[in-house]
Amino acid sequence: MKRLIVLGAGTAGTMAVNKLRHRLLPQGWSITMVDQDDTHHYQPGYLFVPFGGYTPEELVKPRRKFWPDDVELIVSGIDVVLPEENLVTLTDG
């Protein structure tokens, strides 16, 4: 099984996973995302909080909501990336 690791579950990482999973998963790939937390803050929405457009609670959602169940999430910081060794070391070991 081949493995794709996406470092960062922000907007770019989430878009990449959602586009690539349809092409890769049927062909023997596993996809894992790594991010330091599982909380997505919709930052543009914070501009509207002072005017009553949103409450802060409405702008925070679990990141897990934005990609399919067959994509694994590892919640950890990233310590070292060694591309020539095909290795990522996480802060929690």
PDB file of N, CA and C in Angstrom:
ATOM      1  N   MET A   1       0.845  -1.181   0.000  1.00  0.00           N
ATOM      2  CA  MET A   1       0.000   0.000   0.000  1.00  0.00           C
ATOM      3  C   MET A   1       0.887   1.239   0.000  1.00  0.00           C
ATOM      4  N   LYS A   2       0.580   2.176  -0.865  1.00  0.00           N
ATOM      5  CA  LYS A   2       1.285   3.452  -0.917  1.00  0.00           C
ATOM      6  C   LYS A   2       0.637   4.384   0.089  1.00  0.00           C
ATOM      7  N   ARG A   3       1.415   5.375   0.550  1.00  0.00           N
ATOM      8  CA  ARG A   3       0.902   6.259   1.590  1.00  0.00           C
ATOM      9  C   ARG A   3       1.191   7.709   1.241  1.00  0.00           C
ATOM     10  N   LEU A   4       0.162   8.547   1.340  1.00  0.00           N
ATOM     11  CA  LEU A   4       0.296   9.985   1.145  1.00  0.00           C
ATOM     12  C   LEU A   4       0.087  10.652   2.496  1.00  0.00           C
ATOM     13  N   ILE A   5       1.034  11.482   2.893  1.00  0.00           N
ATOM     14  CA  ILE A   5       0.940  12.240   4.133  1.00  0.00           C
ATOM     15  C   ILE A   5       0.806  13.707   3.751  1.00  0.00           C
ATOM     16  N   VAL A   6      -0.232  14.364   4.227  1.00  0.00           N
ATOM     17  CA  VAL A   6      -0.448  15.789   3.986  1.00  0.00           C
ATOM     18  C   VAL A   6      -0.167  16.505   5.307  1.00  0.00           C
ATOM     19  N   LEU A   7       0.795  17.399   5.291  1.00  0.00           N
ATOM     20  CA  LEU A   7       1.181  18.121   6.497  1.00  0.00           C
ATOM     21  C   LEU A   7       0.424  19.440   6.546  1.00  0.00           C
ATOM     22  N   GLY A   8      -0.530  19.507   7.447  1.00  0.00           N
ATOM     23  CA  GLY A   8      -1.360  20.695   7.600  1.00  0.00           C
ATOM     24  C   GLY A   8      -2.758  20.438   7.087  1.00  0.00           C
ATOM     25  N   ALA A   9      -3.735  20.634   7.960  1.00  0.00           N
ATOM     26  CA  ALA A   9      -5.137  20.391   7.605  1.00  0.00           C
ATOM     27  C   ALA A   9      -5.895  21.699   7.440  1.00  0.00           C
ATOM     28  N   GLY A  10      -5.184  22.718   6.979  1.00  0.00           N
ATOM     29  CA  GLY A  10      -5.836  23.988   6.687  1.00  0.00           C
ATOM     30  C   GLY A  10      -6.564  23.924   5.356  1.00  0.00           C
ATOM     31  N   THR A  11      -6.835  25.055   4.792  1.00  0.00           N
ATOM     32  CA  THR A  11      -7.594  25.112   3.540  1.00  0.00           C
ATOM     33  C   THR A  11      -6.889  24.362   2.414  1.00  0.00           C
ATOM     34  N   ALA A  12      -5.596  24.608   2.218  1.00  0.00           N
ATOM     35  CA  ALA A  12      -4.875  23.962   1.111  1.00  0.00           C
ATOM     36  C   ALA A  12      -4.788  22.450   1.307  1.00  0.00           C
ATOM     37  N   GLY A  13      -4.459  22.005   2.510  1.00  0.00           N
ATOM     38  CA  GLY A  13      -4.372  20.571   2.775  1.00  0.00           C
ATOM     39  C   GLY A  13      -5.700  19.868   2.605  1.00  0.00           C
ATOM     40  N   THR A  14      -6.759  20.496   3.087  1.00  0.00           N
ATOM     41  CA  THR A  14      -8.095  19.920   2.966  1.00  0.00           C
ATOM     42  C   THR A  14      -8.522  19.828   1.511  1.00  0.00           C
ATOM     43  N   MET A  15      -8.246  20.862   0.723  1.00  0.00           N
ATOM     44  CA  MET A  15      -8.597  20.828  -0.700  1.00  0.00           C
ATOM     45  C   MET A  15      -7.802  19.741  -1.427  1.00  0.00           C
ATOM     46  N   ALA A  16      -6.515  19.628  -1.111  1.00  0.00           N
ATOM     47  CA  ALA A  16      -5.686  18.611  -1.766  1.00  0.00           C
ATOM     48  C   ALA A  16      -6.210  17.210  -1.465  1.00  0.00           C
ATOM     49  N   VAL A  17      -6.530  16.941  -0.216  1.00  0.00           N
ATOM     50  CA  VAL A  17      -7.023  15.616   0.171  1.00  0.00           C
ATOM     51  C   VAL A  17      -8.342  15.299  -0.528  1.00  0.00           C
ATOM     52  N   ASN A  18      -9.252  16.254  -0.539  1.00  0.00           N
ATOM     53  CA  ASN A  18     -10.553  16.002  -1.160  1.00  0.00           C
ATOM     54  C   ASN A  18     -10.443  15.777  -2.665  1.00  0.00           C
ATOM     55  N   LYS A  19      -9.497  16.427  -3.321  1.00  0.00           N
ATOM     56  CA  LYS A  19      -9.315  16.214  -4.762  1.00  0.00           C
ATOM     57  C   LYS A  19      -8.570  14.920  -5.059  1.00  0.00           C
ATOM     58  N   LEU A  20      -7.537  14.618  -4.270  1.00  0.00           N
ATOM     59  CA  LEU A  20      -6.700  13.458  -4.549  1.00  0.00           C
ATOM     60  C   LEU A  20      -7.328  12.128  -4.131  1.00  0.00           C
ATOM     61  N   ARG A  21      -8.152  12.120  -3.122  1.00  0.00           N
ATOM     62  CA  ARG A  21      -8.657  10.838  -2.610  1.00  0.00           C
ATOM     63  C   ARG A  21      -9.467  10.082  -3.651  1.00  0.00           C
ATOM     64  N   HIS A  22     -10.187  10.778  -4.516  1.00  0.00           N
ATOM     65  CA  HIS A  22     -10.975  10.102  -5.556  1.00  0.00           C
ATOM     66  C   HIS A  22     -10.063   9.413  -6.579  1.00  0.00           C
ATOM     67  N   ARG A  23      -8.872   9.946  -6.753  1.00  0.00           N
ATOM     68  CA  ARG A  23      -7.933   9.379  -7.721  1.00  0.00           C
ATOM     69  C   ARG A  23      -7.029   8.305  -7.108  1.00  0.00           C
ATOM     70  N   LEU A  24      -6.700   8.460  -5.832  1.00  0.00           N
ATOM     71  CA  LEU A  24      -5.692   7.589  -5.234  1.00  0.00           C
ATOM     72  C   LEU A  24      -6.251   6.392  -4.479  1.00  0.00           C
ATOM     73  N   LEU A  25      -7.309   6.570  -3.704  1.00  0.00           N
ATOM     74  CA  LEU A  25      -7.775   5.498  -2.829  1.00  0.00           C
ATOM     75  C   LEU A  25      -8.158   4.224  -3.575  1.00  0.00           C
ATOM     76  N   PRO A  26      -8.807   4.301  -4.723  1.00  0.00           N
ATOM     77  CA  PRO A  26      -9.134   3.045  -5.403  1.00  0.00           C
ATOM     78  C   PRO A  26      -7.894   2.292  -5.904  1.00  0.00           C
ATOM     79  N   GLN A  27      -6.753   2.951  -5.922  1.00  0.00           N
ATOM     80  CA  GLN A  27      -5.539   2.350  -6.478  1.00  0.00           C
ATOM     81  C   GLN A  27      -4.537   1.946  -5.399  1.00  0.00           C
ATOM     82  N   GLY A  28      -4.998   1.673  -4.189  1.00  0.00           N
ATOM     83  CA  GLY A  28      -4.113   1.160  -3.153  1.00  0.00           C
ATOM     84  C   GLY A  28      -3.335   2.198  -2.377  1.00  0.00           C
ATOM     85  N   TRP A  29      -3.920   3.342  -2.135  1.00  0.00           N
ATOM     86  CA  TRP A  29      -3.279   4.390  -1.355  1.00  0.00           C
ATOM     87  C   TRP A  29      -3.993   4.554  -0.026  1.00  0.00           C
ATOM     88  N   SER A  30      -3.256   4.956   0.994  1.00  0.00           N
ATOM     89  CA  SER A  30      -3.865   5.452   2.225  1.00  0.00           C
ATOM     90  C   SER A  30      -3.479   6.928   2.330  1.00  0.00           C
ATOM     91  N   ILE A  31      -4.372   7.725   2.874  1.00  0.00           N
ATOM     92  CA  ILE A  31      -4.121   9.161   3.013  1.00  0.00           C
ATOM     93  C   ILE A  31      -4.220   9.521   4.488  1.00  0.00           C
ATOM     94  N   THR A  32      -3.198  10.235   4.956  1.00  0.00           N
ATOM     95  CA  THR A  32      -3.147  10.691   6.343  1.00  0.00           C
ATOM     96  C   THR A  32      -2.870  12.184   6.350  1.00  0.00           C
ATOM     97  N   MET A  33      -3.609  12.899   7.189  1.00  0.00           N
ATOM     98  CA  MET A  33      -3.342  14.321   7.395  1.00  0.00           C
ATOM     99  C   MET A  33      -2.766  14.493   8.791  1.00  0.00           C
ATOM    100  N   VAL A  34      -1.826  15.420   8.923  1.00  0.00           N
ATOM    101  CA  VAL A  34      -1.232  15.726  10.219  1.00  0.00           C
ATOM    102  C   VAL A  34      -1.432  17.210  10.482  1.00  0.00           C
ATOM    103  N   ASP A  35      -1.984  17.519  11.650  1.00  0.00           N
ATOM    104  CA  ASP A  35      -2.135  18.914  12.055  1.00  0.00           C
ATOM    105  C   ASP A  35      -2.022  18.982  13.569  1.00  0.00           C
ATOM    106  N   GLN A  36      -1.658  20.141  14.075  1.00  0.00           N
ATOM    107  CA  GLN A  36      -1.454  20.290  15.512  1.00  0.00           C
ATOM    108  C   GLN A  36      -2.750  20.324  16.307  1.00  0.00           C
ATOM    109  N   ASP A  37      -3.880  20.513  15.637  1.00  0.00           N
ATOM    110  CA  ASP A  37      -5.161  20.443  16.351  1.00  0.00           C
ATOM    111  C   ASP A  37      -6.273  20.043  15.389  1.00  0.00           C
ATOM    112  N   ASP A  38      -7.426  19.777  15.935  1.00  0.00           N
ATOM    113  CA  ASP A  38      -8.582  19.359  15.124  1.00  0.00           C
ATOM    114  C   ASP A  38      -9.639  20.449  15.099  1.00  0.00           C
ATOM    115  N   THR A  39      -9.209  21.703  15.202  1.00  0.00           N
ATOM    116  CA  THR A  39     -10.168  22.802  15.246  1.00  0.00           C
ATOM    117  C   THR A  39      -9.954  23.736  14.065  1.00  0.00           C
ATOM    118  N   HIS A  40     -11.011  23.965  13.299  1.00  0.00           N
ATOM    119  CA  HIS A  40     -10.965  24.892  12.170  1.00  0.00           C
ATOM    120  C   HIS A  40     -11.667  26.182  12.576  1.00  0.00           C
ATOM    121  N   HIS A  41     -10.975  27.298  12.434  1.00  0.00           N
ATOM    122  CA  HIS A  41     -11.553  28.619  12.689  1.00  0.00           C
ATOM    123  C   HIS A  41     -11.801  29.273  11.337  1.00  0.00           C
ATOM    124  N   TYR A  42     -13.061  29.593  11.041  1.00  0.00           N
ATOM    125  CA  TYR A  42     -13.364  30.283   9.795  1.00  0.00           C
ATOM    126  C   TYR A  42     -13.024  31.757   9.998  1.00  0.00           C
ATOM    127  N   GLN A  43     -11.766  32.107   9.726  1.00  0.00           N
ATOM    128  CA  GLN A  43     -11.244  33.419  10.073  1.00  0.00           C
ATOM    129  C   GLN A  43     -11.968  34.593   9.422  1.00  0.00           C
ATOM    130  N   PRO A  44     -12.388  34.502   8.143  1.00  0.00           N
ATOM    131  CA  PRO A  44     -13.106  35.652   7.569  1.00  0.00           C
ATOM    132  C   PRO A  44     -14.379  35.993   8.331  1.00  0.00           C
ATOM    133  N   GLY A  45     -14.996  35.000   8.940  1.00  0.00           N
ATOM    134  CA  GLY A  45     -16.229  35.244   9.692  1.00  0.00           C
ATOM    135  C   GLY A  45     -16.030  36.108  10.919  1.00  0.00           C
ATOM    136  N   TYR A  46     -14.825  36.134  11.464  1.00  0.00           N
ATOM    137  CA  TYR A  46     -14.580  36.939  12.668  1.00  0.00           C
ATOM    138  C   TYR A  46     -14.774  38.432  12.410  1.00  0.00           C
ATOM    139  N   LEU A  47     -14.692  38.853  11.156  1.00  0.00           N
ATOM    140  CA  LEU A  47     -14.953  40.257  10.823  1.00  0.00           C
ATOM    141  C   LEU A  47     -16.393  40.656  11.125  1.00  0.00           C
ATOM    142  N   PHE A  48     -17.301  39.669  11.106  1.00  0.00           N
ATOM    143  CA  PHE A  48     -18.723  39.963  11.283  1.00  0.00           C
ATOM    144  C   PHE A  48     -19.210  39.781  12.714  1.00  0.00           C
ATOM    145  N   VAL A  49     -18.363  39.272  13.595  1.00  0.00           N
ATOM    146  CA  VAL A  49     -18.769  39.057  14.995  1.00  0.00           C
ATOM    147  C   VAL A  49     -19.184  40.363  15.671  1.00  0.00           C
ATOM    148  N   PRO A  50     -18.419  41.456  15.541  1.00  0.00           N
ATOM    149  CA  PRO A  50     -18.823  42.691  16.229  1.00  0.00           C
ATOM    150  C   PRO A  50     -20.168  43.253  15.760  1.00  0.00           C
ATOM    151  N   PHE A  51     -20.602  42.851  14.577  1.00  0.00           N
ATOM    152  CA  PHE A  51     -21.840  43.380  14.018  1.00  0.00           C
ATOM    153  C   PHE A  51     -23.006  42.410  14.161  1.00  0.00           C
ATOM    154  N   GLY A  52     -22.788  41.305  14.866  1.00  0.00           N
ATOM    155  CA  GLY A  52     -23.856  40.344  15.105  1.00  0.00           C
ATOM    156  C   GLY A  52     -24.095  39.367  13.966  1.00  0.00           C
ATOM    157  N   GLY A  53     -23.222  39.362  12.974  1.00  0.00           N
ATOM    158  CA  GLY A  53     -23.387  38.437  11.849  1.00  0.00           C
ATOM    159  C   GLY A  53     -23.145  36.992  12.235  1.00  0.00           C
ATOM    160  N   TYR A  54     -22.205  36.761  13.130  1.00  0.00           N
ATOM    161  CA  TYR A  54     -21.882  35.437  13.649  1.00  0.00           C
ATOM    162  C   TYR A  54     -21.560  35.554  15.125  1.00  0.00           C
ATOM    163  N   THR A  55     -21.690  34.459  15.828  1.00  0.00           N
ATOM    164  CA  THR A  55     -21.111  34.362  17.166  1.00  0.00           C
ATOM    165  C   THR A  55     -19.784  33.632  17.006  1.00  0.00           C
ATOM    166  N   PRO A  56     -18.840  33.813  17.909  1.00  0.00           N
ATOM    167  CA  PRO A  56     -17.568  33.101  17.786  1.00  0.00           C
ATOM    168  C   PRO A  56     -17.750  31.582  17.722  1.00  0.00           C
ATOM    169  N   GLU A  57     -18.725  31.038  18.425  1.00  0.00           N
ATOM    170  CA  GLU A  57     -18.957  29.599  18.429  1.00  0.00           C
ATOM    171  C   GLU A  57     -19.373  29.078  17.052  1.00  0.00           C
ATOM    172  N   GLU A  58     -20.039  29.894  16.265  1.00  0.00           N
ATOM    173  CA  GLU A  58     -20.461  29.474  14.928  1.00  0.00           C
ATOM    174  C   GLU A  58     -19.288  29.353  13.955  1.00  0.00           C
ATOM    175  N   LEU A  59     -18.165  29.944  14.292  1.00  0.00           N
ATOM    176  CA  LEU A  59     -17.026  29.992  13.391  1.00  0.00           C
ATOM    177  C   LEU A  59     -15.982  28.922  13.680  1.00  0.00           C
ATOM    178  N   VAL A  60     -16.229  28.089  14.685  1.00  0.00           N
ATOM    179  CA  VAL A  60     -15.278  27.051  15.071  1.00  0.00           C
ATOM    180  C   VAL A  60     -15.935  25.694  14.862  1.00  0.00           C
ATOM    181  N   LYS A  61     -15.291  24.850  14.067  1.00  0.00           N
ATOM    182  CA  LYS A  61     -15.825  23.517  13.769  1.00  0.00           C
ATOM    183  C   LYS A  61     -14.688  22.504  13.818  1.00  0.00           C
ATOM    184  N   PRO A  62     -14.996  21.228  14.052  1.00  0.00           N
ATOM    185  CA  PRO A  62     -13.941  20.218  13.970  1.00  0.00           C
ATOM    186  C   PRO A  62     -13.443  20.079  12.530  1.00  0.00           C
ATOM    187  N   ARG A  63     -12.140  20.024  12.355  1.00  0.00           N
ATOM    188  CA  ARG A  63     -11.572  19.862  11.003  1.00  0.00           C
ATOM    189  C   ARG A  63     -12.086  18.591  10.342  1.00  0.00           C
ATOM    190  N   ARG A  64     -12.318  17.574  11.138  1.00  0.00           N
ATOM    191  CA  ARG A  64     -12.748  16.262  10.644  1.00  0.00           C
ATOM    192  C   ARG A  64     -13.988  16.368   9.758  1.00  0.00           C
ATOM    193  N   LYS A  65     -14.755  17.408   9.962  1.00  0.00           N
ATOM    194  CA  LYS A  65     -15.999  17.598   9.213  1.00  0.00           C
ATOM    195  C   LYS A  65     -15.748  17.885   7.724  1.00  0.00           C
ATOM    196  N   PHE A  66     -14.525  18.273   7.378  1.00  0.00           N
ATOM    197  CA  PHE A  66     -14.246  18.764   6.035  1.00  0.00           C
ATOM    198  C   PHE A  66     -13.599  17.758   5.097  1.00  0.00           C
ATOM    199  N   TRP A  67     -13.416  16.515   5.533  1.00  0.00           N
ATOM    200  CA  TRP A  67     -12.913  15.498   4.623  1.00  0.00           C
ATOM    201  C   TRP A  67     -13.510  14.149   4.970  1.00  0.00           C
ATOM    202  N   PRO A  68     -13.423  13.193   4.052  1.00  0.00           N
ATOM    203  CA  PRO A  68     -14.095  11.897   4.214  1.00  0.00           C
ATOM    204  C   PRO A  68     -13.509  11.050   5.345  1.00  0.00           C
ATOM    205  N   ASP A  69     -14.320  10.095   5.801  1.00  0.00           N
ATOM    206  CA  ASP A  69     -13.929   9.217   6.906  1.00  0.00           C
ATOM    207  C   ASP A  69     -12.736   8.333   6.575  1.00  0.00           C
ATOM    208  N   ASP A  70     -12.496   8.051   5.303  1.00  0.00           N
ATOM    209  CA  ASP A  70     -11.393   7.154   4.957  1.00  0.00           C
ATOM    210  C   ASP A  70     -10.031   7.859   4.932  1.00  0.00           C
ATOM    211  N   VAL A  71     -10.003   9.125   5.314  1.00  0.00           N
ATOM    212  CA  VAL A  71      -8.750   9.863   5.455  1.00  0.00           C
ATOM    213  C   VAL A  71      -8.434   9.936   6.951  1.00  0.00           C
ATOM    214  N   GLU A  72      -7.254   9.463   7.324  1.00  0.00           N
ATOM    215  CA  GLU A  72      -6.845   9.438   8.729  1.00  0.00           C
ATOM    216  C   GLU A  72      -6.337  10.813   9.152  1.00  0.00           C
ATOM    217  N   LEU A  73      -6.629  11.205  10.392  1.00  0.00           N
ATOM    218  CA  LEU A  73      -6.095  12.436  10.963  1.00  0.00           C
ATOM    219  C   LEU A  73      -5.213  12.080  12.140  1.00  0.00           C
ATOM    220  N   ILE A  74      -4.007  12.621  12.138  1.00  0.00           N
ATOM    221  CA  ILE A  74      -3.127  12.522  13.290  1.00  0.00           C
ATOM    222  C   ILE A  74      -2.994  13.927  13.863  1.00  0.00           C
ATOM    223  N   VAL A  75      -3.385  14.080  15.123  1.00  0.00           N
ATOM    224  CA  VAL A  75      -3.305  15.379  15.788  1.00  0.00           C
ATOM    225  C   VAL A  75      -1.975  15.429  16.539  1.00  0.00           C
ATOM    226  N   SER A  76      -1.047  16.184  15.987  1.00  0.00           N
ATOM    227  CA  SER A  76       0.289  16.319  16.563  1.00  0.00           C
ATOM    228  C   SER A  76       1.007  17.445  15.841  1.00  0.00           C
ATOM    229  N   GLY A  77       1.971  18.019  16.500  1.00  0.00           N
ATOM    230  CA  GLY A  77       2.846  18.971  15.835  1.00  0.00           C
ATOM    231  C   GLY A  77       3.855  18.220  14.977  1.00  0.00           C
ATOM    232  N   ILE A  78       4.448  18.916  14.032  1.00  0.00           N
ATOM    233  CA  ILE A  78       5.443  18.326  13.138  1.00  0.00           C
ATOM    234  C   ILE A  78       6.813  18.794  13.618  1.00  0.00           C
ATOM    235  N   ASP A  79       7.698  17.836  13.872  1.00  0.00           N
ATOM    236  CA  ASP A  79       9.017  18.166  14.405  1.00  0.00           C
ATOM    237  C   ASP A  79      10.043  18.309  13.279  1.00  0.00           C
ATOM    238  N   VAL A  80      10.201  17.261  12.474  1.00  0.00           N
ATOM    239  CA  VAL A  80      11.219  17.256  11.426  1.00  0.00           C
ATOM    240  C   VAL A  80      10.645  16.601  10.175  1.00  0.00           C
ATOM    241  N   VAL A  81      10.953  17.171   9.018  1.00  0.00           N
ATOM    242  CA  VAL A  81      10.593  16.577   7.733  1.00  0.00           C
ATOM    243  C   VAL A  81      11.897  16.300   6.992  1.00  0.00           C
ATOM    244  N   LEU A  82      12.108  15.030   6.663  1.00  0.00           N
ATOM    245  CA  LEU A  82      13.303  14.613   5.930  1.00  0.00           C
ATOM    246  C   LEU A  82      12.861  13.976   4.611  1.00  0.00           C
ATOM    247  N   PRO A  83      12.640  14.796   3.572  1.00  0.00           N
ATOM    248  CA  PRO A  83      12.104  14.262   2.323  1.00  0.00           C
ATOM    249  C   PRO A  83      13.005  13.225   1.655  1.00  0.00           C
ATOM    250  N   GLU A  84      14.311  13.408   1.751  1.00  0.00           N
ATOM    251  CA  GLU A  84      15.202  12.450   1.104  1.00  0.00           C
ATOM    252  C   GLU A  84      15.153  11.078   1.764  1.00  0.00           C
ATOM    253  N   GLU A  85      14.694  11.024   3.019  1.00  0.00           N
ATOM    254  CA  GLU A  85      14.542   9.752   3.722  1.00  0.00           C
ATOM    255  C   GLU A  85      13.078   9.292   3.763  1.00  0.00           C
ATOM    256  N   ASN A  86      12.196  10.115   3.165  1.00  0.00           N
ATOM    257  CA  ASN A  86      10.762   9.803   3.175  1.00  0.00           C
ATOM    258  C   ASN A  86      10.256   9.648   4.605  1.00  0.00           C
ATOM    259  N   LEU A  87      10.611  10.620   5.477  1.00  0.00           N
ATOM    260  CA  LEU A  87      10.354  10.518   6.901  1.00  0.00           C
ATOM    261  C   LEU A  87       9.820  11.828   7.460  1.00  0.00           C
ATOM    262  N   VAL A  88       8.794  11.699   8.309  1.00  0.00           N
ATOM    263  CA  VAL A  88       8.252  12.831   9.058  1.00  0.00           C
ATOM    264  C   VAL A  88       8.254  12.414  10.524  1.00  0.00           C
ATOM    265  N   THR A  89       8.856  13.239  11.365  1.00  0.00           N
ATOM    266  CA  THR A  89       8.860  12.986  12.796  1.00  0.00           C
ATOM    267  C   THR A  89       7.907  13.978  13.460  1.00  0.00           C
ATOM    268  N   LEU A  90       7.048  13.462  14.323  1.00  0.00           N
ATOM    269  CA  LEU A  90       6.062  14.294  15.003  1.00  0.00           C
ATOM    270  C   LEU A  90       6.551  14.669  16.396  1.00  0.00           C
ATOM    271  N   THR A  91       6.021  15.762  16.932  1.00  0.00           N
ATOM    272  CA  THR A  91       6.487  16.252  18.240  1.00  0.00           C
ATOM    273  C   THR A  91       6.115  15.306  19.367  1.00  0.00           C
ATOM    274  N   ASP A  92       5.079  14.499  19.175  1.00  0.00           N
ATOM    275  CA  ASP A  92       4.686  13.564  20.241  1.00  0.00           C
ATOM    276  C   ASP A  92       5.333  12.196  20.062  1.00  0.00           C
ATOM    277  N   GLY A  93       6.296  12.117  19.165  1.00  0.00           N
ATOM    278  CA  GLY A  93       7.017  10.864  18.966  1.00  0.00           C
ATOM    279  C   GLY A  93       6.442  10.033  17.866  1.00  0.00           C
TER     280      GLY A  93
END
